[in-house]
Amino acid sequence: MRKLGIVLSFIAALTLNLSVGAVPTFAQVGPPNQIVCNKVATLAVGPSSITQLVAAVSGQTIYVCGWHMTNTGAAGTFSFQTGTGSNCGTGTATVIPATNVTSSAPSADHIDWAAWSSPIGAALCVTPSVATISTVVFYAQF
C-alpha cells in the first residue's frame, strides 16, 4: 500500500509540474543510445595494482556492457578506473568502486548493451587487490 501511495504522489507531482509548464528532467546514465558490445578484454591472474585493460584512442569512447571476475584466492576486491597515460595514471577516475570477489562467489555484471562509458580519449583500467583475480570485460570502442 505504501508503494502505491509513493507512485500516486509522483504522478500527482508530475501532473502538477506539467500543468504549469515545467518539464521534468531525468538523469542520464550511460550512453544515450543502445550500444551493443562487440569486443572482449581479458587480464589473467597476476597483477595487484592498477592495470590497463583497454587502451585509449584519441577521439574515441569505451562503452562497457559488463564484466566477469573470478578469484582463485579466498578473498579480494577489484575496481574499474578510467584515465589517460600509462595505466590510467593521469586524470584517474574510479567508475566502479572496490567490489568483493571470492573463490566461491565470482562477480559478474553483464547486459546486452552498454551501461556506462569512459570519457572521450580515456583508457579503461582495473585494480585487483590480490594477484589471484582474473578479469573479462565486454566493451565497444569508437
N, C-alpha and C. Protein backbone atom coordinates (compact mmCIF):
# COMPACT_ATOMS: atom_id res chain seq x y z
N MET A 1 0.82 -1.19 0.00
CA MET A 1 0.00 0.00 0.00
C MET A 1 0.87 1.25 0.00
N ARG A 2 1.98 1.20 0.73
CA ARG A 2 2.88 2.35 0.80
C ARG A 2 3.46 2.66 -0.58
N LYS A 3 3.81 1.61 -1.33
CA LYS A 3 4.36 1.81 -2.66
C LYS A 3 3.35 2.50 -3.57
N LEU A 4 2.09 2.13 -3.46
CA LEU A 4 1.05 2.75 -4.27
C LEU A 4 0.94 4.23 -3.94
N GLY A 5 1.04 4.57 -2.66
CA GLY A 5 0.99 5.97 -2.25
C GLY A 5 2.15 6.77 -2.83
N ILE A 6 3.34 6.17 -2.85
CA ILE A 6 4.50 6.85 -3.40
C ILE A 6 4.33 7.07 -4.90
N VAL A 7 3.84 6.05 -5.61
CA VAL A 7 3.62 6.17 -7.05
C VAL A 7 2.57 7.24 -7.33
N LEU A 8 1.48 7.25 -6.58
CA LEU A 8 0.43 8.26 -6.79
C LEU A 8 0.95 9.66 -6.50
N SER A 9 1.79 9.81 -5.47
CA SER A 9 2.38 11.11 -5.16
C SER A 9 3.27 11.59 -6.30
N PHE A 10 4.05 10.67 -6.88
CA PHE A 10 4.92 11.02 -8.01
C PHE A 10 4.08 11.47 -9.21
N ILE A 11 3.02 10.73 -9.50
CA ILE A 11 2.15 11.07 -10.63
C ILE A 11 1.50 12.43 -10.41
N ALA A 12 1.06 12.68 -9.19
CA ALA A 12 0.43 13.97 -8.89
C ALA A 12 1.44 15.11 -9.06
N ALA A 13 2.67 14.92 -8.57
CA ALA A 13 3.69 15.95 -8.70
C ALA A 13 4.05 16.18 -10.17
N LEU A 14 4.15 15.11 -10.93
CA LEU A 14 4.45 15.20 -12.35
C LEU A 14 3.35 15.94 -13.08
N THR A 15 2.09 15.62 -12.78
CA THR A 15 0.95 16.27 -13.41
C THR A 15 0.93 17.76 -13.07
N LEU A 16 1.21 18.09 -11.82
CA LEU A 16 1.23 19.48 -11.41
C LEU A 16 2.34 20.24 -12.14
N ASN A 17 3.52 19.65 -12.24
CA ASN A 17 4.63 20.30 -12.94
C ASN A 17 4.30 20.53 -14.41
N LEU A 18 3.69 19.53 -15.07
CA LEU A 18 3.36 19.67 -16.48
C LEU A 18 2.27 20.70 -16.70
N SER A 19 1.35 20.81 -15.74
CA SER A 19 0.24 21.74 -15.93
C SER A 19 0.69 23.20 -15.81
N VAL A 20 1.80 23.45 -15.14
CA VAL A 20 2.28 24.83 -15.03
C VAL A 20 3.44 25.10 -15.96
N GLY A 21 3.70 24.19 -16.90
CA GLY A 21 4.70 24.43 -17.92
C GLY A 21 6.08 23.89 -17.61
N ALA A 22 6.29 23.32 -16.43
CA ALA A 22 7.60 22.77 -16.10
C ALA A 22 7.78 21.42 -16.80
N VAL A 23 8.97 21.16 -17.25
CA VAL A 23 9.27 19.89 -17.89
C VAL A 23 10.20 19.10 -16.97
N PRO A 24 9.79 17.89 -16.57
CA PRO A 24 10.65 17.13 -15.67
C PRO A 24 11.93 16.70 -16.39
N THR A 25 13.02 16.64 -15.63
CA THR A 25 14.28 16.17 -16.20
C THR A 25 14.71 14.93 -15.45
N PHE A 26 15.32 14.01 -16.15
CA PHE A 26 15.79 12.78 -15.56
C PHE A 26 17.28 12.64 -15.86
N ALA A 27 18.04 12.17 -14.90
CA ALA A 27 19.48 11.98 -15.10
C ALA A 27 19.72 10.88 -16.11
N GLN A 28 20.70 11.09 -16.95
CA GLN A 28 21.07 10.08 -17.94
C GLN A 28 22.25 9.29 -17.40
N VAL A 29 22.13 7.98 -17.42
CA VAL A 29 23.21 7.10 -17.02
C VAL A 29 23.57 6.26 -18.22
N GLY A 30 24.81 6.30 -18.63
CA GLY A 30 25.24 5.54 -19.79
C GLY A 30 25.02 6.31 -21.07
N PRO A 31 25.34 5.69 -22.17
CA PRO A 31 25.20 6.36 -23.46
C PRO A 31 23.73 6.60 -23.82
N PRO A 32 23.44 7.64 -24.64
CA PRO A 32 22.05 7.97 -24.95
C PRO A 32 21.37 6.96 -25.87
N ASN A 33 22.12 6.16 -26.61
CA ASN A 33 21.54 5.15 -27.49
C ASN A 33 22.07 3.78 -27.08
N GLN A 34 21.31 2.75 -27.38
CA GLN A 34 21.79 1.41 -27.06
C GLN A 34 22.99 1.07 -27.92
N ILE A 35 24.06 0.67 -27.27
CA ILE A 35 25.29 0.29 -27.96
C ILE A 35 25.58 -1.16 -27.59
N VAL A 36 25.70 -2.00 -28.60
CA VAL A 36 25.99 -3.41 -28.39
C VAL A 36 27.51 -3.58 -28.33
N CYS A 37 27.97 -4.32 -27.34
CA CYS A 37 29.41 -4.54 -27.19
C CYS A 37 29.86 -5.70 -28.07
N ASN A 38 30.94 -5.48 -28.81
CA ASN A 38 31.43 -6.50 -29.73
C ASN A 38 32.89 -6.86 -29.48
N LYS A 39 33.43 -6.46 -28.33
CA LYS A 39 34.83 -6.75 -28.01
C LYS A 39 34.94 -7.29 -26.59
N VAL A 40 36.04 -8.01 -26.35
CA VAL A 40 36.32 -8.57 -25.03
C VAL A 40 37.77 -8.26 -24.67
N ALA A 41 38.00 -7.81 -23.46
CA ALA A 41 39.35 -7.62 -22.94
C ALA A 41 39.52 -8.55 -21.75
N THR A 42 40.69 -9.17 -21.64
CA THR A 42 40.94 -10.09 -20.53
C THR A 42 42.24 -9.73 -19.83
N LEU A 43 42.32 -10.11 -18.59
CA LEU A 43 43.53 -9.96 -17.80
C LEU A 43 43.66 -11.20 -16.93
N ALA A 44 44.74 -11.94 -17.15
CA ALA A 44 44.97 -13.16 -16.37
C ALA A 44 45.40 -12.80 -14.95
N VAL A 45 45.35 -13.78 -14.07
CA VAL A 45 45.78 -13.55 -12.69
C VAL A 45 47.23 -13.07 -12.68
N GLY A 46 47.58 -12.29 -11.69
CA GLY A 46 48.95 -11.81 -11.58
C GLY A 46 49.05 -10.39 -11.05
N PRO A 47 48.51 -9.39 -11.76
CA PRO A 47 48.66 -8.02 -11.27
C PRO A 47 47.84 -7.77 -10.00
N SER A 48 48.36 -6.92 -9.13
CA SER A 48 47.59 -6.50 -7.96
C SER A 48 47.68 -4.98 -7.81
N SER A 49 47.85 -4.31 -8.95
CA SER A 49 47.85 -2.84 -8.98
C SER A 49 47.09 -2.42 -10.23
N ILE A 50 46.85 -1.14 -10.36
CA ILE A 50 46.06 -0.64 -11.50
C ILE A 50 46.74 -1.07 -12.81
N THR A 51 45.93 -1.67 -13.70
CA THR A 51 46.44 -2.23 -14.95
C THR A 51 45.49 -1.89 -16.09
N GLN A 52 46.03 -1.45 -17.20
CA GLN A 52 45.21 -1.07 -18.35
C GLN A 52 44.62 -2.31 -19.03
N LEU A 53 43.31 -2.27 -19.24
CA LEU A 53 42.61 -3.34 -19.97
C LEU A 53 42.38 -2.95 -21.43
N VAL A 54 41.94 -1.71 -21.65
CA VAL A 54 41.64 -1.23 -22.99
C VAL A 54 42.37 0.10 -23.19
N ALA A 55 43.19 0.15 -24.22
CA ALA A 55 43.98 1.36 -24.48
C ALA A 55 43.10 2.51 -24.96
N ALA A 56 43.50 3.70 -24.60
CA ALA A 56 42.82 4.91 -25.06
C ALA A 56 43.11 5.12 -26.54
N VAL A 57 42.10 5.63 -27.25
CA VAL A 57 42.26 6.03 -28.64
C VAL A 57 41.73 7.45 -28.74
N SER A 58 42.52 8.35 -29.26
CA SER A 58 42.13 9.75 -29.36
C SER A 58 40.79 9.89 -30.07
N GLY A 59 39.87 10.62 -29.45
CA GLY A 59 38.57 10.88 -30.05
C GLY A 59 37.57 9.74 -29.90
N GLN A 60 37.95 8.64 -29.23
CA GLN A 60 37.03 7.51 -29.08
C GLN A 60 36.65 7.30 -27.62
N THR A 61 35.50 6.68 -27.44
CA THR A 61 34.97 6.37 -26.12
C THR A 61 34.89 4.85 -25.96
N ILE A 62 35.12 4.38 -24.75
CA ILE A 62 34.97 2.95 -24.43
C ILE A 62 33.61 2.79 -23.77
N TYR A 63 32.77 1.92 -24.32
CA TYR A 63 31.44 1.64 -23.79
C TYR A 63 31.47 0.24 -23.17
N VAL A 64 31.10 0.12 -21.91
CA VAL A 64 31.21 -1.16 -21.19
C VAL A 64 29.83 -1.77 -20.97
N CYS A 65 29.71 -3.04 -21.39
CA CYS A 65 28.47 -3.81 -21.19
C CYS A 65 28.54 -4.65 -19.92
N GLY A 66 29.72 -4.96 -19.45
CA GLY A 66 29.80 -5.74 -18.23
C GLY A 66 31.15 -6.41 -18.04
N TRP A 67 31.21 -7.25 -17.01
CA TRP A 67 32.44 -7.93 -16.66
C TRP A 67 32.14 -9.27 -16.02
N HIS A 68 33.18 -10.08 -15.94
CA HIS A 68 33.12 -11.33 -15.19
C HIS A 68 34.48 -11.47 -14.50
N MET A 69 34.46 -11.47 -13.19
CA MET A 69 35.69 -11.56 -12.40
C MET A 69 35.68 -12.86 -11.62
N THR A 70 36.81 -13.53 -11.60
CA THR A 70 36.95 -14.72 -10.77
C THR A 70 38.18 -14.56 -9.90
N ASN A 71 38.20 -15.33 -8.82
CA ASN A 71 39.29 -15.25 -7.87
C ASN A 71 39.64 -16.66 -7.42
N THR A 72 40.88 -17.05 -7.57
CA THR A 72 41.30 -18.37 -7.09
C THR A 72 41.67 -18.31 -5.62
N GLY A 73 41.74 -17.12 -5.06
CA GLY A 73 42.03 -16.95 -3.64
C GLY A 73 40.76 -16.85 -2.82
N ALA A 74 40.92 -16.78 -1.53
CA ALA A 74 39.77 -16.76 -0.62
C ALA A 74 38.99 -15.45 -0.70
N ALA A 75 39.69 -14.34 -0.86
CA ALA A 75 39.00 -13.05 -0.85
C ALA A 75 39.83 -12.01 -1.60
N GLY A 76 39.16 -10.99 -2.07
CA GLY A 76 39.82 -9.88 -2.75
C GLY A 76 38.78 -8.91 -3.27
N THR A 77 39.25 -7.79 -3.79
CA THR A 77 38.37 -6.80 -4.38
C THR A 77 38.94 -6.36 -5.72
N PHE A 78 38.10 -5.72 -6.52
CA PHE A 78 38.54 -5.11 -7.77
C PHE A 78 37.77 -3.82 -7.94
N SER A 79 38.33 -2.92 -8.72
CA SER A 79 37.64 -1.68 -9.07
C SER A 79 38.04 -1.31 -10.49
N PHE A 80 37.20 -0.54 -11.16
CA PHE A 80 37.49 -0.08 -12.52
C PHE A 80 37.75 1.42 -12.51
N GLN A 81 38.72 1.84 -13.33
CA GLN A 81 39.05 3.24 -13.45
C GLN A 81 39.16 3.62 -14.92
N THR A 82 39.04 4.92 -15.18
CA THR A 82 39.34 5.47 -16.50
C THR A 82 40.42 6.53 -16.30
N GLY A 83 41.14 6.82 -17.35
CA GLY A 83 42.17 7.84 -17.29
C GLY A 83 43.04 7.78 -18.53
N THR A 84 44.03 8.63 -18.57
CA THR A 84 44.96 8.65 -19.69
C THR A 84 46.36 8.36 -19.15
N GLY A 85 47.32 8.27 -20.03
CA GLY A 85 48.68 7.98 -19.61
C GLY A 85 48.84 6.50 -19.29
N SER A 86 50.02 6.16 -18.84
CA SER A 86 50.33 4.77 -18.51
C SER A 86 49.43 4.26 -17.39
N ASN A 87 48.71 3.18 -17.66
CA ASN A 87 47.82 2.57 -16.66
C ASN A 87 46.85 3.57 -16.02
N CYS A 88 46.25 4.42 -16.84
CA CYS A 88 45.25 5.41 -16.37
C CYS A 88 45.83 6.33 -15.30
N GLY A 89 47.13 6.60 -15.38
CA GLY A 89 47.80 7.37 -14.34
C GLY A 89 47.49 8.85 -14.31
N THR A 90 46.93 9.40 -15.36
CA THR A 90 46.59 10.82 -15.41
C THR A 90 45.08 10.98 -15.49
N GLY A 91 44.53 11.85 -14.69
CA GLY A 91 43.09 12.08 -14.71
C GLY A 91 42.30 10.84 -14.30
N THR A 92 42.85 10.05 -13.39
CA THR A 92 42.22 8.80 -12.98
C THR A 92 40.90 9.06 -12.27
N ALA A 93 39.87 8.33 -12.71
CA ALA A 93 38.55 8.41 -12.08
C ALA A 93 38.04 6.99 -11.86
N THR A 94 37.61 6.71 -10.64
CA THR A 94 37.06 5.39 -10.34
C THR A 94 35.62 5.34 -10.83
N VAL A 95 35.32 4.35 -11.65
CA VAL A 95 33.98 4.19 -12.22
C VAL A 95 33.17 3.18 -11.40
N ILE A 96 33.79 2.06 -11.07
CA ILE A 96 33.17 1.04 -10.22
C ILE A 96 34.07 0.93 -8.99
N PRO A 97 33.56 1.23 -7.79
CA PRO A 97 34.39 1.18 -6.59
C PRO A 97 34.73 -0.25 -6.21
N ALA A 98 35.59 -0.40 -5.22
CA ALA A 98 36.04 -1.72 -4.77
C ALA A 98 34.84 -2.64 -4.53
N THR A 99 34.87 -3.79 -5.22
CA THR A 99 33.79 -4.77 -5.17
C THR A 99 34.40 -6.12 -4.81
N ASN A 100 33.78 -6.84 -3.89
CA ASN A 100 34.31 -8.12 -3.43
C ASN A 100 34.17 -9.21 -4.48
N VAL A 101 35.17 -10.09 -4.51
CA VAL A 101 35.12 -11.29 -5.33
C VAL A 101 35.89 -12.38 -4.59
N THR A 102 35.26 -13.54 -4.40
CA THR A 102 35.90 -14.64 -3.69
C THR A 102 35.94 -15.87 -4.57
N SER A 103 36.63 -16.90 -4.11
CA SER A 103 36.73 -18.13 -4.89
C SER A 103 35.38 -18.83 -5.00
N SER A 104 34.49 -18.58 -4.06
CA SER A 104 33.17 -19.22 -4.11
C SER A 104 32.08 -18.31 -4.68
N ALA A 105 32.41 -17.05 -4.97
CA ALA A 105 31.41 -16.11 -5.49
C ALA A 105 32.04 -15.17 -6.51
N PRO A 106 32.10 -15.59 -7.79
CA PRO A 106 32.61 -14.67 -8.81
C PRO A 106 31.70 -13.45 -8.93
N SER A 107 32.23 -12.39 -9.46
CA SER A 107 31.44 -11.18 -9.67
C SER A 107 31.17 -11.03 -11.15
N ALA A 108 29.90 -10.99 -11.51
CA ALA A 108 29.53 -10.83 -12.91
C ALA A 108 28.42 -9.80 -13.02
N ASP A 109 28.56 -8.93 -13.98
CA ASP A 109 27.54 -7.94 -14.29
C ASP A 109 27.63 -7.74 -15.80
N HIS A 110 26.67 -8.28 -16.53
CA HIS A 110 26.74 -8.22 -17.99
C HIS A 110 25.34 -8.12 -18.57
N ILE A 111 25.14 -7.12 -19.41
CA ILE A 111 23.89 -6.97 -20.14
C ILE A 111 24.21 -6.84 -21.62
N ASP A 112 23.21 -6.83 -22.47
CA ASP A 112 23.42 -6.84 -23.91
C ASP A 112 23.91 -5.51 -24.48
N TRP A 113 23.72 -4.42 -23.77
CA TRP A 113 24.12 -3.12 -24.30
C TRP A 113 24.92 -2.37 -23.24
N ALA A 114 25.59 -1.32 -23.68
CA ALA A 114 26.48 -0.57 -22.79
C ALA A 114 25.72 0.08 -21.65
N ALA A 115 26.27 -0.05 -20.46
CA ALA A 115 25.66 0.53 -19.28
C ALA A 115 26.41 1.78 -18.82
N TRP A 116 27.69 1.89 -19.15
CA TRP A 116 28.47 3.08 -18.82
C TRP A 116 29.60 3.24 -19.81
N SER A 117 30.17 4.42 -19.83
CA SER A 117 31.21 4.71 -20.81
C SER A 117 32.32 5.55 -20.19
N SER A 118 33.46 5.51 -20.85
CA SER A 118 34.60 6.32 -20.42
C SER A 118 34.49 7.71 -21.02
N PRO A 119 35.26 8.65 -20.49
CA PRO A 119 35.37 9.94 -21.18
C PRO A 119 36.04 9.73 -22.54
N ILE A 120 35.82 10.64 -23.46
CA ILE A 120 36.45 10.55 -24.78
C ILE A 120 37.97 10.56 -24.62
N GLY A 121 38.63 9.62 -25.28
CA GLY A 121 40.09 9.55 -25.26
C GLY A 121 40.70 8.95 -24.01
N ALA A 122 39.89 8.33 -23.15
CA ALA A 122 40.40 7.73 -21.92
C ALA A 122 40.54 6.22 -22.08
N ALA A 123 41.44 5.64 -21.32
CA ALA A 123 41.64 4.18 -21.29
C ALA A 123 40.77 3.59 -20.18
N LEU A 124 40.62 2.27 -20.19
CA LEU A 124 39.90 1.56 -19.14
C LEU A 124 40.90 0.69 -18.38
N CYS A 125 40.90 0.81 -17.07
CA CYS A 125 41.83 0.06 -16.23
C CYS A 125 41.08 -0.67 -15.13
N VAL A 126 41.73 -1.68 -14.56
CA VAL A 126 41.18 -2.44 -13.45
C VAL A 126 42.24 -2.48 -12.35
N THR A 127 41.79 -2.50 -11.10
CA THR A 127 42.70 -2.63 -9.98
C THR A 127 42.28 -3.82 -9.13
N PRO A 128 42.93 -4.98 -9.32
CA PRO A 128 42.67 -6.12 -8.44
C PRO A 128 43.46 -5.92 -7.14
N SER A 129 42.88 -6.30 -6.01
CA SER A 129 43.59 -6.12 -4.74
C SER A 129 44.56 -7.25 -4.45
N VAL A 130 44.38 -8.38 -5.11
CA VAL A 130 45.25 -9.54 -4.91
C VAL A 130 45.62 -10.11 -6.27
N ALA A 131 46.69 -10.89 -6.31
CA ALA A 131 47.20 -11.42 -7.58
C ALA A 131 46.48 -12.69 -8.03
N THR A 132 45.31 -12.97 -7.46
CA THR A 132 44.58 -14.20 -7.80
C THR A 132 43.28 -13.90 -8.56
N ILE A 133 43.07 -12.65 -8.96
CA ILE A 133 41.83 -12.24 -9.64
C ILE A 133 42.08 -12.18 -11.15
N SER A 134 41.19 -12.79 -11.91
CA SER A 134 41.24 -12.66 -13.38
C SER A 134 40.03 -11.86 -13.83
N THR A 135 40.17 -11.19 -14.97
CA THR A 135 39.17 -10.23 -15.43
C THR A 135 38.77 -10.48 -16.88
N VAL A 136 37.49 -10.38 -17.15
CA VAL A 136 36.96 -10.35 -18.51
C VAL A 136 36.01 -9.16 -18.58
N VAL A 137 36.20 -8.28 -19.56
CA VAL A 137 35.33 -7.11 -19.74
C VAL A 137 34.77 -7.13 -21.15
N PHE A 138 33.47 -6.89 -21.28
CA PHE A 138 32.77 -6.83 -22.57
C PHE A 138 32.58 -5.35 -22.90
N TYR A 139 33.04 -4.93 -24.09
CA TYR A 139 33.01 -3.50 -24.40
C TYR A 139 32.92 -3.24 -25.90
N ALA A 140 32.69 -1.98 -26.24
CA ALA A 140 32.78 -1.49 -27.60
C ALA A 140 33.61 -0.20 -27.53
N GLN A 141 34.27 0.14 -28.62
CA GLN A 141 35.06 1.35 -28.64
C GLN A 141 34.98 2.00 -30.01
N PHE A 142 34.53 3.24 -30.02
CA PHE A 142 34.50 4.00 -31.27
C PHE A 142 34.38 5.47 -30.95
